[in-house]
Every structure is written in C-alpha cells, then in structure tokens.
Amino acid sequence: MRVLVADDDPVNRQLIVEVCQSEGFEASGVESGDQALAAAQTGNYDLLLLDAAMPGMSGLEVCRVLKSNPDTATLPVMIVTASLEDVVRDRATELGAAAFVTKPFRVFELSQRMRAAVRVTSHDGEPPTAPHIRLRRQRTDALSALPSPSTLRARLQREIEVCIRDQKPVVCAVLRLENEGLLSAAVGRGETDALLGGAVIELLRELDDPGKSPAGDDRVVRGDVDEVVVVLQEEQLPMLATIAVQVAAEGRVGAGVSLGLEIRFRWGATIADPNESDPELLLAAARAALEKAERAGEPGGIERTQSTPIQ
C-alpha cells in the first residue's frame, strides 16, 4: 500500500512516514497541501494522511477538492490533527474523510485506521466478471431485504433506550440517492434500487455482526423510496461518508449499466442526547443535516445536539 503523508512540521511528517514504513507500507511525505493535492492527482497513492491545518491549502481543503472530483473521489483520506474540537472532526467527516486521528496517536491505532480506510474502498470479495444482471439483482435484493419504513420509529426508539442505558449519545443517519426521480425516469426503478442497494451492501458489510445475518440486521432500515436510515456509532460516521462517496463515484458499475446522468448520494446525521430525543426528532434532525449539506453543496453534514459526555 502506497501512503502519502502531508504535514508542514518536518518532525511530525517524518515520524508518521517512519510509522507507516515500520508497518510495512510504502510511504513518502510532502510539506504542503498543494503538494499533496498534486501528488494525489497522479493516481500513485492508495491512501492520504493529511494534517488538518497547514499554511496555504489545509488538509481539509485538499480533502474537499479530492472528494469533489470523480477521478479522485474514491481515494481514501485520513485527517491527522492535534485539534480536539468537535467542529474539526465533524468537518472532516462531512467532507468525506475515511478516518480522523488525533495527535498524539498510538502506532497500533494509526495502523488499524489506515487498513480499515483502504478496506472500505476495496471490492476484493466481489467477482469482477459477474454479469451485470446478477449484480443488479444482488443489490436490488439487498434493498428489498431491509426492514420496511413502518418499523423505523420502533427501531429508533429501541436505540434511544439502549443509549440511555449505556449513557452514550444516540446517532442516526440518513443516506439519500438525491436525484432518484430523474434516474428512475431515465433508466427505471430497478436500476435506481440497485444503486441504493449497492450502498446497503457496503453498509451491512461494514456494520457486520457475526451473530446476525445481513437480512436480519435492522441497523439499516428503508426510510423512503430514495433513502435508507442507519443506526450506528459516532466513530462509524467516516465509514458512512466514505461509502456515500464511493457508491456515487462507482454507481455505474454498481448498477451494472452505463447511466447518462450524474449519480448523487448525500448523507446527514444527528448526534443527540437520548434523554432529550424521540424517533421523530432524530429523523427530522438527520434529514435537516442532509438538506443543509445540500444547500451548501457538501457531500454530507452533521447536526450535533449532544456535545458533552452524558452523566
């Protein structure tokens, strides 16, 4: 795996490069965001580790530019920073960063996050030569197997109760195929269901619980004809953001057809105090975050109503 490290501090940069090399990765470093962007656009790297705050173009800005370009949208980006502020973490996730690592970090933690970031964008387990009809059916079936929208409120209520018991924030996210109507009119509902089903397969893979079969997993629920609702942990939001970018960029392959229209996935999430939440509020806040991101032209957004540890 080829890793590019961007950090304006030469000591930090060399340290991270040496950590990557000690873990068996091929790593090199640059000192600015502009250099990182130019290097990333060559296609010679499998993963980027970017310092959030650098003079000139910051790591967050590099991430935004890369994720807005279909040619580089699937390149995994990790943000490494000394900042402990939620706003930096949320911004990295909204821009599509695969992970967020705070300095000082443990070598094991950094290595595991790097491997996970690359694994999310890998499809080694899928047969590359499978007929497009089989691919489309597989994805459509994954969407059809989800719990129906009628179960959504009860599922969110159970999650609220679990989070109250465990004294942790409740996290609800919405992933939406934004231009489903136009796509359905052009290629049919079956193809758009396959696109959304492709996202479902990736989500279930990352949320996999050995004790459950994917069809029985209710952490992903059908929200509407163009969206799914996901119950997850706060630290899993980067994974959701990465999948949204990945499925949009590779949607033509996922659906098994060549679509002549842009495929746009967008997501929104709420992180809330379960003691002050109900299913309607959670769902409304997640959708509001998505719509705010849409207005801002961002791939996703977070509405945080819980910022301090629950006692």
C-alpha atoms as a PDB file:
ATOM      1  CA  MET A   1       0.000   0.000   0.000  1.00  0.00           C
ATOM      2  CA  ARG A   2       1.362   3.401  -1.029  1.00  0.00           C
ATOM      3  CA  VAL A   3       0.779   6.174   1.513  1.00  0.00           C
ATOM      4  CA  LEU A   4       1.297   9.917   1.138  1.00  0.00           C
ATOM      5  CA  VAL A   5       1.834  11.941   4.329  1.00  0.00           C
ATOM      6  CA  ALA A   6       1.300  15.717   4.262  1.00  0.00           C
ATOM      7  CA  ASP A   7       2.406  17.750   7.301  1.00  0.00           C
ATOM      8  CA  ASP A   8       4.171  21.103   7.416  1.00  0.00           C
ATOM      9  CA  ASP A   9       6.047  20.082  10.586  1.00  0.00           C
ATOM     10  CA  PRO A  10       9.094  18.075   9.391  1.00  0.00           C
ATOM     11  CA  VAL A  11       9.398  16.186  12.687  1.00  0.00           C
ATOM     12  CA  ASN A  12       5.760  15.082  12.651  1.00  0.00           C
ATOM     13  CA  ARG A  13       5.921  14.270   8.955  1.00  0.00           C
ATOM     14  CA  GLN A  14       8.995  12.077   9.322  1.00  0.00           C
ATOM     15  CA  LEU A  15       7.552  10.356  12.380  1.00  0.00           C
ATOM     16  CA  ILE A  16       4.370   9.367  10.546  1.00  0.00           C
ATOM     17  CA  VAL A  17       6.342   8.234   7.474  1.00  0.00           C
ATOM     18  CA  GLU A  18       8.538   6.044   9.688  1.00  0.00           C
ATOM     19  CA  VAL A  19       5.496   4.595  11.461  1.00  0.00           C
ATOM     20  CA  CYS A  20       3.952   3.720   8.075  1.00  0.00           C
ATOM     21  CA  GLN A  21       7.188   2.123   6.893  1.00  0.00           C
ATOM     22  CA  SER A  22       7.559   0.124  10.100  1.00  0.00           C
ATOM     23  CA  GLU A  23       4.084  -1.295   9.475  1.00  0.00           C
ATOM     24  CA  GLY A  24       5.047  -2.450   6.001  1.00  0.00           C
ATOM     25  CA  PHE A  25       3.583   0.431   3.991  1.00  0.00           C
ATOM     26  CA  GLU A  26       5.404   2.289   1.245  1.00  0.00           C
ATOM     27  CA  ALA A  27       5.310   5.913   2.442  1.00  0.00           C
ATOM     28  CA  SER A  28       6.565   9.327   1.381  1.00  0.00           C
ATOM     29  CA  GLY A  29       5.966  12.841   2.669  1.00  0.00           C
ATOM     30  CA  VAL A  30       5.248  16.358   1.433  1.00  0.00           C
ATOM     31  CA  GLU A  31       5.155  19.606   3.370  1.00  0.00           C
ATOM     32  CA  SER A  32       2.087  21.360   1.992  1.00  0.00           C
ATOM     33  CA  GLY A  33      -1.484  20.812   0.944  1.00  0.00           C
ATOM     34  CA  ASP A  34      -0.736  21.997  -2.591  1.00  0.00           C
ATOM     35  CA  GLN A  35       1.962  19.339  -2.959  1.00  0.00           C
ATOM     36  CA  ALA A  36      -0.363  16.705  -1.501  1.00  0.00           C
ATOM     37  CA  LEU A  37      -3.116  17.589  -3.982  1.00  0.00           C
ATOM     38  CA  ALA A  38      -0.738  17.427  -6.946  1.00  0.00           C
ATOM     39  CA  ALA A  39       0.666  14.079  -5.798  1.00  0.00           C
ATOM     40  CA  ALA A  40      -2.795  12.611  -5.140  1.00  0.00           C
ATOM     41  CA  GLN A  41      -3.944  13.519  -8.645  1.00  0.00           C
ATOM     42  CA  THR A  42      -1.198  11.375 -10.194  1.00  0.00           C
ATOM     43  CA  GLY A  43      -3.010   8.227  -9.064  1.00  0.00           C
ATOM     44  CA  ASN A  44       0.154   6.837  -7.485  1.00  0.00           C
ATOM     45  CA  TYR A  45      -1.191   6.541  -3.926  1.00  0.00           C
ATOM     46  CA  ASP A  46      -3.647   4.263  -2.140  1.00  0.00           C
ATOM     47  CA  LEU A  47      -4.136   6.441   0.965  1.00  0.00           C
ATOM     48  CA  LEU A  48      -3.535  10.035   2.080  1.00  0.00           C
ATOM     49  CA  LEU A  49      -2.724  11.141   5.642  1.00  0.00           C
ATOM     50  CA  LEU A  50      -3.267  14.892   5.826  1.00  0.00           C
ATOM     51  CA  ASP A  51      -2.603  17.350   8.630  1.00  0.00           C
ATOM     52  CA  ALA A  52      -5.806  19.326   9.139  1.00  0.00           C
ATOM     53  CA  ALA A  53      -4.071  22.714   9.499  1.00  0.00           C
ATOM     54  CA  MET A  54      -1.245  23.614   7.125  1.00  0.00           C
ATOM     55  CA  PRO A  55      -0.219  27.025   5.736  1.00  0.00           C
ATOM     56  CA  GLY A  56      -1.876  27.661   2.397  1.00  0.00           C
ATOM     57  CA  MET A  57      -4.119  24.754   1.458  1.00  0.00           C
ATOM     58  CA  SER A  58      -5.142  22.836   4.575  1.00  0.00           C
ATOM     59  CA  GLY A  59      -5.658  19.093   4.723  1.00  0.00           C
ATOM     60  CA  LEU A  60      -9.403  19.674   4.975  1.00  0.00           C
ATOM     61  CA  GLU A  61      -9.353  21.739   1.795  1.00  0.00           C
ATOM     62  CA  VAL A  62      -7.327  19.064  -0.017  1.00  0.00           C
ATOM     63  CA  CYS A  63      -9.915  16.505   1.078  1.00  0.00           C
ATOM     64  CA  ARG A  64     -12.762  18.691  -0.212  1.00  0.00           C
ATOM     65  CA  VAL A  65     -11.140  19.129  -3.627  1.00  0.00           C
ATOM     66  CA  LEU A  66     -10.353  15.423  -3.992  1.00  0.00           C
ATOM     67  CA  LYS A  67     -13.842  14.287  -2.988  1.00  0.00           C
ATOM     68  CA  SER A  68     -15.493  16.730  -5.399  1.00  0.00           C
ATOM     69  CA  ASN A  69     -13.608  15.258  -8.372  1.00  0.00           C
ATOM     70  CA  PRO A  70     -14.985  11.922  -9.696  1.00  0.00           C
ATOM     71  CA  ASP A  71     -11.447  10.885 -10.699  1.00  0.00           C
ATOM     72  CA  THR A  72     -10.165  11.101  -7.107  1.00  0.00           C
ATOM     73  CA  ALA A  73     -13.377  10.784  -5.067  1.00  0.00           C
ATOM     74  CA  THR A  74     -12.706   7.182  -4.014  1.00  0.00           C
ATOM     75  CA  LEU A  75      -9.134   7.827  -2.815  1.00  0.00           C
ATOM     76  CA  PRO A  76      -9.196   7.273   0.982  1.00  0.00           C
ATOM     77  CA  VAL A  77      -8.202  10.319   3.031  1.00  0.00           C
ATOM     78  CA  MET A  78      -7.355  10.352   6.743  1.00  0.00           C
ATOM     79  CA  ILE A  79      -7.139  13.591   8.694  1.00  0.00           C
ATOM     80  CA  VAL A  80      -4.403  13.676  11.360  1.00  0.00           C
ATOM     81  CA  THR A  81      -4.506  16.636  13.742  1.00  0.00           C
ATOM     82  CA  ALA A  82      -3.692  17.871  17.226  1.00  0.00           C
ATOM     83  CA  SER A  83      -7.099  19.559  17.469  1.00  0.00           C
ATOM     84  CA  LEU A  84      -9.622  18.081  19.889  1.00  0.00           C
ATOM     85  CA  GLU A  85     -12.502  20.283  18.696  1.00  0.00           C
ATOM     86  CA  ASP A  86     -15.676  18.544  17.528  1.00  0.00           C
ATOM     87  CA  VAL A  87     -16.030  21.066  14.710  1.00  0.00           C
ATOM     88  CA  VAL A  88     -12.788  19.824  13.099  1.00  0.00           C
ATOM     89  CA  ARG A  89     -13.831  16.190  13.430  1.00  0.00           C
ATOM     90  CA  ASP A  90     -17.306  16.919  12.060  1.00  0.00           C
ATOM     91  CA  ARG A  91     -15.916  18.907   9.147  1.00  0.00           C
ATOM     92  CA  ALA A  92     -13.525  16.086   8.208  1.00  0.00           C
ATOM     93  CA  THR A  93     -16.396  13.606   8.235  1.00  0.00           C
ATOM     94  CA  GLU A  94     -18.685  15.906   6.231  1.00  0.00           C
ATOM     95  CA  LEU A  95     -16.017  16.268   3.538  1.00  0.00           C
ATOM     96  CA  GLY A  96     -15.725  12.504   3.157  1.00  0.00           C
ATOM     97  CA  ALA A  97     -12.586  11.698   5.169  1.00  0.00           C
ATOM     98  CA  ALA A  98     -12.366   7.977   5.892  1.00  0.00           C
ATOM     99  CA  ALA A  99     -10.942   8.490   9.389  1.00  0.00           C
ATOM    100  CA  PHE A 100      -9.859  11.134  11.888  1.00  0.00           C
ATOM    101  CA  VAL A 101      -6.791  10.550  14.091  1.00  0.00           C
ATOM    102  CA  THR A 102      -5.779  12.841  16.935  1.00  0.00           C
ATOM    103  CA  LYS A 103      -2.140  13.538  17.830  1.00  0.00           C
ATOM    104  CA  PRO A 104      -0.525  12.067  19.821  1.00  0.00           C
ATOM    105  CA  PHE A 105      -1.659   8.718  18.476  1.00  0.00           C
ATOM    106  CA  ARG A 106      -0.769   5.117  19.199  1.00  0.00           C
ATOM    107  CA  VAL A 107       1.045   3.267  16.424  1.00  0.00           C
ATOM    108  CA  PHE A 108      -1.449   0.398  16.607  1.00  0.00           C
ATOM    109  CA  GLU A 109      -4.399   2.792  16.344  1.00  0.00           C
ATOM    110  CA  LEU A 110      -2.943   4.561  13.311  1.00  0.00           C
ATOM    111  CA  SER A 111      -2.124   1.283  11.571  1.00  0.00           C
ATOM    112  CA  GLN A 112      -5.618  -0.144  12.171  1.00  0.00           C
ATOM    113  CA  ARG A 113      -7.325   3.032  10.959  1.00  0.00           C
ATOM    114  CA  MET A 114      -5.191   3.013   7.804  1.00  0.00           C
ATOM    115  CA  ARG A 115      -6.014  -0.587   6.968  1.00  0.00           C
ATOM    116  CA  ALA A 116      -9.719  -0.006   7.656  1.00  0.00           C
ATOM    117  CA  ALA A 117      -9.782   3.108   5.452  1.00  0.00           C
ATOM    118  CA  VAL A 118      -8.392   1.184   2.493  1.00  0.00           C
ATOM    119  CA  ARG A 119     -10.622  -1.846   3.151  1.00  0.00           C
ATOM    120  CA  VAL A 120     -13.811   0.240   2.888  1.00  0.00           C
ATOM    121  CA  THR A 121     -12.975   1.146  -0.720  1.00  0.00           C
ATOM    122  CA  SER A 122     -11.835  -2.356  -1.681  1.00  0.00           C
ATOM    123  CA  HIS A 123     -14.035  -4.829  -3.543  1.00  0.00           C
ATOM    124  CA  ASP A 124     -11.704  -7.834  -3.462  1.00  0.00           C
ATOM    125  CA  GLY A 125     -14.589 -10.071  -2.364  1.00  0.00           C
ATOM    126  CA  GLU A 126     -16.772  -9.287  -5.358  1.00  0.00           C
ATOM    127  CA  PRO A 127     -16.449 -11.250  -8.609  1.00  0.00           C
ATOM    128  CA  PRO A 128     -15.204  -8.666 -11.161  1.00  0.00           C
ATOM    129  CA  THR A 129     -16.551 -10.639 -14.123  1.00  0.00           C
ATOM    130  CA  ALA A 130     -20.066 -11.259 -12.777  1.00  0.00           C
ATOM    131  CA  PRO A 131     -22.821 -10.473 -15.327  1.00  0.00           C
ATOM    132  CA  HIS A 132     -24.468  -7.117 -14.838  1.00  0.00           C
ATOM    133  CA  ILE A 133     -27.875  -8.725 -14.371  1.00  0.00           C
ATOM    134  CA  ARG A 134     -26.576 -10.764 -11.448  1.00  0.00           C
ATOM    135  CA  LEU A 135     -25.017  -7.656  -9.906  1.00  0.00           C
ATOM    136  CA  ARG A 136     -28.230  -5.692 -10.284  1.00  0.00           C
ATOM    137  CA  ARG A 137     -30.305  -8.484  -8.765  1.00  0.00           C
ATOM    138  CA  GLN A 138     -27.922  -8.853  -5.830  1.00  0.00           C
ATOM    139  CA  ARG A 139     -28.158  -5.155  -4.996  1.00  0.00           C
ATOM    140  CA  THR A 140     -31.888  -4.965  -5.513  1.00  0.00           C
ATOM    141  CA  ASP A 141     -32.389  -7.967  -3.241  1.00  0.00           C
ATOM    142  CA  ALA A 142     -30.273  -6.309  -0.533  1.00  0.00           C
ATOM    143  CA  LEU A 143     -32.553  -3.276  -0.607  1.00  0.00           C
ATOM    144  CA  SER A 144     -35.710  -5.409  -0.598  1.00  0.00           C
ATOM    145  CA  ALA A 145     -34.482  -7.387   2.420  1.00  0.00           C
ATOM    146  CA  LEU A 146     -34.297  -4.284   4.617  1.00  0.00           C
ATOM    147  CA  PRO A 147     -36.910  -3.699   7.337  1.00  0.00           C
ATOM    148  CA  SER A 148     -39.729  -1.555   5.958  1.00  0.00           C
ATOM    149  CA  PRO A 149     -40.284   2.136   6.797  1.00  0.00           C
ATOM    150  CA  SER A 150     -43.156   1.110   9.080  1.00  0.00           C
ATOM    151  CA  THR A 151     -40.600  -0.359  11.518  1.00  0.00           C
ATOM    152  CA  LEU A 152     -38.381   2.710  11.569  1.00  0.00           C
ATOM    153  CA  ARG A 153     -39.865   4.593  14.535  1.00  0.00           C
ATOM    154  CA  ALA A 154     -39.835   1.478  16.732  1.00  0.00           C
ATOM    155  CA  ARG A 155     -36.211   0.792  15.762  1.00  0.00           C
ATOM    156  CA  LEU A 156     -35.130   4.311  16.648  1.00  0.00           C
ATOM    157  CA  GLN A 157     -36.983   4.124  19.951  1.00  0.00           C
ATOM    158  CA  ARG A 158     -35.086   0.937  20.837  1.00  0.00           C
ATOM    159  CA  GLU A 159     -31.820   2.640  20.007  1.00  0.00           C
ATOM    160  CA  ILE A 160     -32.723   5.601  22.235  1.00  0.00           C
ATOM    161  CA  GLU A 161     -33.449   3.242  25.118  1.00  0.00           C
ATOM    162  CA  VAL A 162     -30.159   1.391  24.617  1.00  0.00           C
ATOM    163  CA  CYS A 163     -28.215   4.657  24.556  1.00  0.00           C
ATOM    164  CA  ILE A 164     -29.943   5.859  27.741  1.00  0.00           C
ATOM    165  CA  ARG A 165     -28.987   2.590  29.417  1.00  0.00           C
ATOM    166  CA  ASP A 166     -25.386   2.771  28.179  1.00  0.00           C
ATOM    167  CA  GLN A 167     -25.125   6.530  28.826  1.00  0.00           C
ATOM    168  CA  LYS A 168     -23.931   7.403  25.362  1.00  0.00           C
ATOM    169  CA  PRO A 169     -25.133   9.689  22.544  1.00  0.00           C
ATOM    170  CA  VAL A 170     -27.627   8.334  20.047  1.00  0.00           C
ATOM    171  CA  VAL A 171     -26.596   8.598  16.388  1.00  0.00           C
ATOM    172  CA  CYS A 172     -28.999   8.451  13.454  1.00  0.00           C
ATOM    173  CA  ALA A 173     -28.038   8.987   9.811  1.00  0.00           C
ATOM    174  CA  VAL A 174     -29.868   9.223   6.501  1.00  0.00           C
ATOM    175  CA  LEU A 175     -28.284   8.258   3.175  1.00  0.00           C
ATOM    176  CA  ARG A 176     -30.202   9.520   0.151  1.00  0.00           C
ATOM    177  CA  LEU A 177     -29.991   8.934  -3.596  1.00  0.00           C
ATOM    178  CA  GLU A 178     -30.632  12.574  -4.264  1.00  0.00           C
ATOM    179  CA  ASN A 179     -31.747  12.531  -7.893  1.00  0.00           C
ATOM    180  CA  GLU A 180     -33.687   9.266  -7.734  1.00  0.00           C
ATOM    181  CA  GLY A 181     -36.660  10.713  -9.635  1.00  0.00           C
ATOM    182  CA  LEU A 182     -34.599  11.727 -12.663  1.00  0.00           C
ATOM    183  CA  LEU A 183     -32.687   8.456 -12.661  1.00  0.00           C
ATOM    184  CA  SER A 184     -35.855   6.368 -12.386  1.00  0.00           C
ATOM    185  CA  ALA A 185     -37.440   8.262 -15.272  1.00  0.00           C
ATOM    186  CA  ALA A 186     -34.351   7.651 -17.408  1.00  0.00           C
ATOM    187  CA  VAL A 187     -33.423   4.033 -16.617  1.00  0.00           C
ATOM    188  CA  GLY A 188     -36.215   2.592 -14.475  1.00  0.00           C
ATOM    189  CA  ARG A 189     -36.841   1.995 -10.786  1.00  0.00           C
ATOM    190  CA  GLY A 190     -34.997  -1.328 -10.871  1.00  0.00           C
ATOM    191  CA  GLU A 191     -31.729   0.385 -11.730  1.00  0.00           C
ATOM    192  CA  THR A 192     -32.084   3.055  -9.045  1.00  0.00           C
ATOM    193  CA  ASP A 193     -32.987   0.391  -6.497  1.00  0.00           C
ATOM    194  CA  ALA A 194     -29.752  -1.347  -7.492  1.00  0.00           C
ATOM    195  CA  LEU A 195     -27.798   1.838  -6.829  1.00  0.00           C
ATOM    196  CA  LEU A 196     -29.290   2.251  -3.369  1.00  0.00           C
ATOM    197  CA  GLY A 197     -28.907  -1.473  -2.777  1.00  0.00           C
ATOM    198  CA  GLY A 198     -25.208  -1.208  -3.557  1.00  0.00           C
ATOM    199  CA  ALA A 199     -24.875   1.273  -0.701  1.00  0.00           C
ATOM    200  CA  VAL A 200     -26.844  -1.080   1.561  1.00  0.00           C
ATOM    201  CA  ILE A 201     -24.454  -3.959   0.823  1.00  0.00           C
ATOM    202  CA  GLU A 202     -21.453  -1.823   1.716  1.00  0.00           C
ATOM    203  CA  LEU A 203     -23.092  -0.577   4.906  1.00  0.00           C
ATOM    204  CA  LEU A 204     -24.050  -4.067   6.054  1.00  0.00           C
ATOM    205  CA  ARG A 205     -20.555  -5.282   5.303  1.00  0.00           C
ATOM    206  CA  GLU A 206     -19.008  -2.601   7.492  1.00  0.00           C
ATOM    207  CA  LEU A 207     -21.626  -2.985  10.240  1.00  0.00           C
ATOM    208  CA  ASP A 208     -21.374  -6.771  10.119  1.00  0.00           C
ATOM    209  CA  ASP A 209     -22.276  -8.594  13.342  1.00  0.00           C
ATOM    210  CA  PRO A 210     -21.210 -12.281  13.337  1.00  0.00           C
ATOM    211  CA  GLY A 211     -24.305 -13.080  15.381  1.00  0.00           C
ATOM    212  CA  LYS A 212     -26.719 -11.845  12.722  1.00  0.00           C
ATOM    213  CA  SER A 213     -27.334 -12.499   9.090  1.00  0.00           C
ATOM    214  CA  PRO A 214     -27.379  -9.400   6.851  1.00  0.00           C
ATOM    215  CA  ALA A 215     -31.075  -9.913   6.102  1.00  0.00           C
ATOM    216  CA  GLY A 216     -31.876  -9.844   9.818  1.00  0.00           C
ATOM    217  CA  ASP A 217     -29.810  -6.792  10.622  1.00  0.00           C
ATOM    218  CA  ASP A 218     -32.012  -3.816  11.488  1.00  0.00           C
ATOM    219  CA  ARG A 219     -29.267  -1.197  11.774  1.00  0.00           C
ATOM    220  CA  VAL A 220     -30.132  -0.185   8.200  1.00  0.00           C
ATOM    221  CA  VAL A 221     -33.844   0.461   7.578  1.00  0.00           C
ATOM    222  CA  ARG A 222     -35.665   1.652   4.455  1.00  0.00           C
ATOM    223  CA  GLY A 223     -36.647   5.276   5.054  1.00  0.00           C
ATOM    224  CA  ASP A 224     -38.266   6.151   1.735  1.00  0.00           C
ATOM    225  CA  VAL A 225     -38.052   5.262  -1.936  1.00  0.00           C
ATOM    226  CA  ASP A 226     -34.806   7.248  -2.230  1.00  0.00           C
ATOM    227  CA  GLU A 227     -33.195   6.805   1.190  1.00  0.00           C
ATOM    228  CA  VAL A 228     -32.107   4.459   3.945  1.00  0.00           C
ATOM    229  CA  VAL A 229     -31.778   5.250   7.641  1.00  0.00           C
ATOM    230  CA  VAL A 230     -28.728   3.975   9.516  1.00  0.00           C
ATOM    231  CA  VAL A 231     -28.257   3.445  13.252  1.00  0.00           C
ATOM    232  CA  LEU A 232     -24.561   3.473  14.094  1.00  0.00           C
ATOM    233  CA  GLN A 233     -21.838   4.742  16.431  1.00  0.00           C
ATOM    234  CA  GLU A 234     -20.315   8.210  16.159  1.00  0.00           C
ATOM    235  CA  GLU A 235     -16.928   6.759  15.230  1.00  0.00           C
ATOM    236  CA  GLN A 236     -18.569   4.973  12.276  1.00  0.00           C
ATOM    237  CA  LEU A 237     -19.678   8.189  10.562  1.00  0.00           C
ATOM    238  CA  PRO A 238     -16.464   8.433   8.488  1.00  0.00           C
ATOM    239  CA  MET A 239     -17.265   4.981   7.136  1.00  0.00           C
ATOM    240  CA  LEU A 240     -20.739   6.160   6.094  1.00  0.00           C
ATOM    241  CA  ALA A 241     -19.269   9.241   4.411  1.00  0.00           C
ATOM    242  CA  THR A 242     -16.739   7.131   2.526  1.00  0.00           C
ATOM    243  CA  ILE A 243     -19.414   4.723   1.295  1.00  0.00           C
ATOM    244  CA  ALA A 244     -21.588   7.617   0.101  1.00  0.00           C
ATOM    245  CA  VAL A 245     -18.719   8.981  -1.994  1.00  0.00           C
ATOM    246  CA  GLN A 246     -17.670   5.528  -3.197  1.00  0.00           C
ATOM    247  CA  VAL A 247     -21.123   4.414  -4.322  1.00  0.00           C
ATOM    248  CA  ALA A 248     -21.775   7.688  -6.119  1.00  0.00           C
ATOM    249  CA  ALA A 249     -18.432   7.570  -7.937  1.00  0.00           C
ATOM    250  CA  GLU A 250     -18.740   3.896  -8.878  1.00  0.00           C
ATOM    251  CA  GLY A 251     -22.509   3.802  -9.303  1.00  0.00           C
ATOM    252  CA  ARG A 252     -22.428   2.898 -12.959  1.00  0.00           C
ATOM    253  CA  VAL A 253     -20.528  -0.275 -12.132  1.00  0.00           C
ATOM    254  CA  GLY A 254     -22.714  -0.972  -9.108  1.00  0.00           C
ATOM    255  CA  ALA A 255     -25.896  -0.782 -11.153  1.00  0.00           C
ATOM    256  CA  GLY A 256     -24.403  -2.762 -13.987  1.00  0.00           C
ATOM    257  CA  VAL A 257     -25.417  -0.186 -16.594  1.00  0.00           C
ATOM    258  CA  SER A 258     -23.966   2.950 -18.135  1.00  0.00           C
ATOM    259  CA  LEU A 259     -26.036   5.813 -16.834  1.00  0.00           C
ATOM    260  CA  GLY A 260     -26.007   9.076 -18.734  1.00  0.00           C
ATOM    261  CA  LEU A 261     -26.935  11.067 -15.638  1.00  0.00           C
ATOM    262  CA  GLU A 262     -24.976  12.184 -12.622  1.00  0.00           C
ATOM    263  CA  ILE A 263     -25.387   9.945  -9.566  1.00  0.00           C
ATOM    264  CA  ARG A 264     -25.584  11.939  -6.348  1.00  0.00           C
ATOM    265  CA  PHE A 265     -25.616  10.395  -2.895  1.00  0.00           C
ATOM    266  CA  ARG A 266     -25.813  12.709   0.101  1.00  0.00           C
ATOM    267  CA  TRP A 267     -25.999  11.967   3.811  1.00  0.00           C
ATOM    268  CA  GLY A 268     -26.967  13.687   7.034  1.00  0.00           C
ATOM    269  CA  ALA A 269     -26.543  12.622  10.641  1.00  0.00           C
ATOM    270  CA  THR A 270     -27.577  13.733  14.094  1.00  0.00           C
ATOM    271  CA  ILE A 271     -25.667  13.094  17.322  1.00  0.00           C
ATOM    272  CA  ALA A 272     -28.065  13.672  20.185  1.00  0.00           C
ATOM    273  CA  ASP A 273     -28.665  13.232  23.891  1.00  0.00           C
ATOM    274  CA  PRO A 274     -31.010  10.215  24.096  1.00  0.00           C
ATOM    275  CA  ASN A 275     -32.674  11.649  27.206  1.00  0.00           C
ATOM    276  CA  GLU A 276     -33.911  14.572  25.115  1.00  0.00           C
ATOM    277  CA  SER A 277     -34.750  12.697  21.906  1.00  0.00           C
ATOM    278  CA  ASP A 278     -37.581  10.799  20.314  1.00  0.00           C
ATOM    279  CA  PRO A 279     -37.730   8.984  16.945  1.00  0.00           C
ATOM    280  CA  GLU A 280     -39.358  11.888  15.129  1.00  0.00           C
ATOM    281  CA  LEU A 281     -36.766  14.378  16.384  1.00  0.00           C
ATOM    282  CA  LEU A 282     -33.878  12.097  15.438  1.00  0.00           C
ATOM    283  CA  LEU A 283     -35.154  11.515  11.932  1.00  0.00           C
ATOM    284  CA  ALA A 284     -36.007  15.183  11.400  1.00  0.00           C
ATOM    285  CA  ALA A 285     -32.563  16.304  12.602  1.00  0.00           C
ATOM    286  CA  ALA A 286     -30.743  13.837  10.336  1.00  0.00           C
ATOM    287  CA  ARG A 287     -32.774  14.937   7.323  1.00  0.00           C
ATOM    288  CA  ALA A 288     -32.239  18.596   8.230  1.00  0.00           C
ATOM    289  CA  ALA A 289     -28.474  17.986   8.319  1.00  0.00           C
ATOM    290  CA  LEU A 290     -28.684  16.388   4.871  1.00  0.00           C
ATOM    291  CA  GLU A 291     -30.686  19.278   3.451  1.00  0.00           C
ATOM    292  CA  LYS A 292     -28.278  21.798   4.978  1.00  0.00           C
ATOM    293  CA  ALA A 293     -25.397  19.952   3.315  1.00  0.00           C
ATOM    294  CA  GLU A 294     -27.283  20.020   0.020  1.00  0.00           C
ATOM    295  CA  ARG A 295     -27.726  23.791   0.216  1.00  0.00           C
ATOM    296  CA  ALA A 296     -24.018  24.193   0.976  1.00  0.00           C
ATOM    297  CA  GLY A 297     -23.011  21.849  -1.846  1.00  0.00           C
ATOM    298  CA  GLU A 298     -21.374  19.429   0.616  1.00  0.00           C
ATOM    299  CA  PRO A 299     -21.485  15.613   0.439  1.00  0.00           C
ATOM    300  CA  GLY A 300     -22.844  15.344   3.979  1.00  0.00           C
ATOM    301  CA  GLY A 301     -23.498  17.106   7.257  1.00  0.00           C
ATOM    302  CA  ILE A 302     -23.821  16.558  10.976  1.00  0.00           C
ATOM    303  CA  GLU A 303     -26.342  18.107  13.370  1.00  0.00           C
ATOM    304  CA  ARG A 304     -24.855  17.805  16.848  1.00  0.00           C
ATOM    305  CA  THR A 305     -27.166  18.418  19.813  1.00  0.00           C
ATOM    306  CA  GLN A 306     -25.014  16.472  22.281  1.00  0.00           C
ATOM    307  CA  SER A 307     -21.513  17.862  22.850  1.00  0.00           C
ATOM    308  CA  THR A 308     -20.623  16.812  26.383  1.00  0.00           C
ATOM    309  CA  PRO A 309     -20.367  13.338  27.944  1.00  0.00           C
ATOM    310  CA  ILE A 310     -23.640  12.015  29.305  1.00  0.00           C
ATOM    311  CA  GLN A 311     -23.524  11.526  33.056  1.00  0.00           C
END
